[in-house]
Amino acid sequence: MTDDIKHPVAKVASAGAVFLGGMTWGEVASMLAALYTACLIIEWLWKRVLKPLAQRRGWIKGKPREFLDSTGSAPL
């Protein structure tokens, strides 16, 4: 007996089709709405909380910002 998985992409796709095939359209729509909502929440957390925190701690590099010097003009 071998433990080789042949055509793993096809097996995952067929498992997904079987999973979705047993659901009504309303259940599929509510599942996709929940997934989309989770993506929006994750994006908001990344932009508003996690990215600024990581930039302050130096884990990731921030975007360089233009600043005003003593003349009061910033280059365009």
N, C-alpha and C. Protein backbone atom coordinates (compact mmCIF):
# COMPACT_ATOMS: atom_id res chain seq x y z
N MET A 1 0.85 -1.18 0.00
CA MET A 1 0.00 0.00 0.00
C MET A 1 0.89 1.24 0.00
N THR A 2 0.59 2.16 -0.89
CA THR A 2 1.37 3.39 -0.95
C THR A 2 0.54 4.55 -0.43
N ASP A 3 1.23 5.55 0.09
CA ASP A 3 0.55 6.73 0.63
C ASP A 3 0.64 7.90 -0.34
N ASP A 4 0.96 7.63 -1.59
CA ASP A 4 1.06 8.70 -2.58
C ASP A 4 -0.32 9.26 -2.90
N ILE A 5 -0.39 10.58 -2.97
CA ILE A 5 -1.63 11.24 -3.37
C ILE A 5 -1.48 11.62 -4.82
N LYS A 6 -2.29 11.03 -5.65
CA LYS A 6 -2.23 11.33 -7.07
C LYS A 6 -3.31 12.35 -7.40
N HIS A 7 -2.94 13.38 -8.14
CA HIS A 7 -3.84 14.45 -8.56
C HIS A 7 -4.48 15.15 -7.36
N PRO A 8 -3.68 15.76 -6.48
CA PRO A 8 -4.24 16.39 -5.28
C PRO A 8 -5.17 17.56 -5.59
N VAL A 9 -4.89 18.31 -6.67
CA VAL A 9 -5.75 19.44 -7.01
C VAL A 9 -7.13 18.95 -7.41
N ALA A 10 -7.18 17.87 -8.17
CA ALA A 10 -8.46 17.32 -8.58
C ALA A 10 -9.24 16.78 -7.38
N LYS A 11 -8.53 16.19 -6.44
CA LYS A 11 -9.21 15.67 -5.24
C LYS A 11 -9.77 16.80 -4.38
N VAL A 12 -9.02 17.89 -4.25
CA VAL A 12 -9.51 19.03 -3.48
C VAL A 12 -10.70 19.67 -4.18
N ALA A 13 -10.63 19.78 -5.50
CA ALA A 13 -11.74 20.37 -6.26
C ALA A 13 -12.99 19.50 -6.15
N SER A 14 -12.83 18.20 -6.22
CA SER A 14 -14.01 17.33 -6.12
C SER A 14 -14.58 17.35 -4.71
N ALA A 15 -13.72 17.46 -3.70
CA ALA A 15 -14.22 17.55 -2.32
C ALA A 15 -14.99 18.85 -2.13
N GLY A 16 -14.49 19.94 -2.72
CA GLY A 16 -15.22 21.21 -2.64
C GLY A 16 -16.55 21.14 -3.36
N ALA A 17 -16.58 20.47 -4.51
CA ALA A 17 -17.83 20.33 -5.25
C ALA A 17 -18.84 19.51 -4.47
N VAL A 18 -18.38 18.46 -3.83
CA VAL A 18 -19.29 17.64 -3.02
C VAL A 18 -19.81 18.44 -1.83
N PHE A 19 -18.91 19.23 -1.20
CA PHE A 19 -19.31 20.05 -0.06
C PHE A 19 -20.36 21.07 -0.48
N LEU A 20 -20.11 21.77 -1.59
CA LEU A 20 -21.06 22.78 -2.06
C LEU A 20 -22.31 22.15 -2.68
N GLY A 21 -22.18 20.96 -3.23
CA GLY A 21 -23.31 20.30 -3.85
C GLY A 21 -24.40 19.91 -2.87
N GLY A 22 -24.02 19.70 -1.62
CA GLY A 22 -24.99 19.31 -0.61
C GLY A 22 -25.67 20.50 0.06
N MET A 23 -25.38 21.70 -0.42
CA MET A 23 -25.93 22.90 0.21
C MET A 23 -26.94 23.56 -0.72
N THR A 24 -27.87 24.31 -0.13
CA THR A 24 -28.81 25.08 -0.93
C THR A 24 -28.13 26.38 -1.36
N TRP A 25 -28.74 27.07 -2.33
CA TRP A 25 -28.17 28.34 -2.79
C TRP A 25 -28.12 29.37 -1.68
N GLY A 26 -29.10 29.35 -0.81
CA GLY A 26 -29.11 30.28 0.31
C GLY A 26 -27.96 30.03 1.27
N GLU A 27 -27.66 28.75 1.52
CA GLU A 27 -26.53 28.42 2.39
C GLU A 27 -25.21 28.80 1.75
N VAL A 28 -25.08 28.58 0.44
CA VAL A 28 -23.86 28.96 -0.27
C VAL A 28 -23.68 30.48 -0.21
N ALA A 29 -24.77 31.22 -0.43
CA ALA A 29 -24.70 32.68 -0.40
C ALA A 29 -24.32 33.18 0.98
N SER A 30 -24.90 32.61 2.02
CA SER A 30 -24.56 33.06 3.37
C SER A 30 -23.12 32.69 3.74
N MET A 31 -22.63 31.55 3.25
CA MET A 31 -21.24 31.17 3.50
C MET A 31 -20.29 32.14 2.81
N LEU A 32 -20.59 32.50 1.55
CA LEU A 32 -19.75 33.45 0.82
C LEU A 32 -19.81 34.84 1.45
N ALA A 33 -20.98 35.23 1.95
CA ALA A 33 -21.11 36.53 2.62
C ALA A 33 -20.28 36.56 3.90
N ALA A 34 -20.28 35.46 4.64
CA ALA A 34 -19.48 35.39 5.86
C ALA A 34 -17.99 35.43 5.53
N LEU A 35 -17.59 34.75 4.48
CA LEU A 35 -16.19 34.77 4.05
C LEU A 35 -15.76 36.17 3.61
N TYR A 36 -16.62 36.86 2.87
CA TYR A 36 -16.32 38.22 2.42
C TYR A 36 -16.23 39.17 3.61
N THR A 37 -17.12 39.03 4.57
CA THR A 37 -17.10 39.86 5.76
C THR A 37 -15.81 39.62 6.55
N ALA A 38 -15.40 38.36 6.66
CA ALA A 38 -14.16 38.06 7.36
C ALA A 38 -12.97 38.69 6.65
N CYS A 39 -12.97 38.67 5.32
CA CYS A 39 -11.88 39.31 4.56
C CYS A 39 -11.85 40.81 4.80
N LEU A 40 -13.01 41.45 4.85
CA LEU A 40 -13.06 42.89 5.11
C LEU A 40 -12.58 43.23 6.52
N ILE A 41 -12.93 42.40 7.49
CA ILE A 41 -12.48 42.63 8.87
C ILE A 41 -10.98 42.46 8.97
N ILE A 42 -10.43 41.44 8.31
CA ILE A 42 -8.99 41.20 8.34
C ILE A 42 -8.25 42.36 7.67
N GLU A 43 -8.79 42.85 6.54
CA GLU A 43 -8.16 43.98 5.87
C GLU A 43 -8.17 45.22 6.76
N TRP A 44 -9.29 45.49 7.44
CA TRP A 44 -9.38 46.64 8.32
C TRP A 44 -8.39 46.52 9.47
N LEU A 45 -8.30 45.33 10.07
CA LEU A 45 -7.35 45.13 11.15
C LEU A 45 -5.91 45.32 10.68
N TRP A 46 -5.59 44.85 9.48
CA TRP A 46 -4.24 45.02 8.97
C TRP A 46 -3.91 46.49 8.76
N LYS A 47 -4.82 47.21 8.11
CA LYS A 47 -4.54 48.61 7.78
C LYS A 47 -4.54 49.51 9.01
N ARG A 48 -5.44 49.30 9.96
CA ARG A 48 -5.63 50.22 11.07
C ARG A 48 -4.85 49.83 12.32
N VAL A 49 -4.56 48.54 12.52
CA VAL A 49 -3.94 48.12 13.78
C VAL A 49 -2.59 47.45 13.55
N LEU A 50 -2.57 46.38 12.77
CA LEU A 50 -1.37 45.55 12.69
C LEU A 50 -0.23 46.20 11.91
N LYS A 51 -0.53 46.83 10.77
CA LYS A 51 0.54 47.44 9.97
C LYS A 51 1.19 48.61 10.70
N PRO A 52 0.43 49.56 11.28
CA PRO A 52 1.09 50.62 12.04
C PRO A 52 1.90 50.10 13.23
N LEU A 53 1.41 49.08 13.89
CA LEU A 53 2.14 48.49 15.00
C LEU A 53 3.45 47.87 14.52
N ALA A 54 3.39 47.15 13.42
CA ALA A 54 4.60 46.53 12.86
C ALA A 54 5.59 47.58 12.37
N GLN A 55 5.10 48.69 11.84
CA GLN A 55 6.00 49.75 11.40
C GLN A 55 6.66 50.44 12.59
N ARG A 56 5.91 50.69 13.66
CA ARG A 56 6.49 51.32 14.84
C ARG A 56 7.55 50.44 15.49
N ARG A 57 7.32 49.14 15.48
CA ARG A 57 8.28 48.23 16.09
C ARG A 57 9.45 47.90 15.18
N GLY A 58 9.38 48.28 13.90
CA GLY A 58 10.47 48.05 12.98
C GLY A 58 10.45 46.69 12.31
N TRP A 59 9.34 45.97 12.41
CA TRP A 59 9.24 44.66 11.78
C TRP A 59 9.14 44.79 10.26
N ILE A 60 8.45 45.84 9.81
CA ILE A 60 8.35 46.13 8.38
C ILE A 60 8.71 47.58 8.17
N LYS A 61 9.17 47.90 6.96
CA LYS A 61 9.58 49.26 6.65
C LYS A 61 8.36 50.05 6.19
N GLY A 62 8.24 51.26 6.68
CA GLY A 62 7.13 52.12 6.30
C GLY A 62 7.43 52.87 5.02
N LYS A 63 6.43 53.45 4.45
CA LYS A 63 6.56 54.25 3.25
C LYS A 63 7.16 55.61 3.62
N PRO A 64 8.20 56.04 2.92
CA PRO A 64 8.79 57.35 3.27
C PRO A 64 7.79 58.48 3.02
N ARG A 65 7.69 59.39 3.97
CA ARG A 65 6.75 60.50 3.89
C ARG A 65 7.50 61.79 3.63
N GLU A 66 6.90 62.66 2.83
CA GLU A 66 7.45 64.00 2.64
C GLU A 66 7.13 64.84 3.87
N PHE A 67 8.01 65.75 4.22
CA PHE A 67 7.77 66.60 5.38
C PHE A 67 8.15 68.03 5.01
N LEU A 68 7.55 68.94 5.74
CA LEU A 68 7.82 70.36 5.51
C LEU A 68 9.10 70.75 6.22
N ASP A 69 9.95 71.49 5.52
CA ASP A 69 11.15 72.01 6.16
C ASP A 69 10.89 73.44 6.64
N SER A 70 11.93 74.16 6.95
CA SER A 70 11.76 75.48 7.53
C SER A 70 11.19 76.49 6.52
N THR A 71 11.28 76.20 5.21
CA THR A 71 10.75 77.13 4.22
C THR A 71 9.24 77.01 4.06
N GLY A 72 8.67 75.92 4.55
CA GLY A 72 7.21 75.75 4.49
C GLY A 72 6.71 75.21 3.16
N SER A 73 7.59 74.68 2.35
CA SER A 73 7.13 74.12 1.08
C SER A 73 7.65 72.69 0.95
N ALA A 74 6.79 71.84 0.42
CA ALA A 74 7.17 70.45 0.18
C ALA A 74 7.25 70.22 -1.31
N PRO A 75 8.22 69.43 -1.77
CA PRO A 75 8.32 69.16 -3.21
C PRO A 75 7.14 68.35 -3.71
N LEU A 76 6.69 68.65 -4.90
CA LEU A 76 5.57 67.91 -5.46
C LEU A 76 6.09 66.76 -6.19
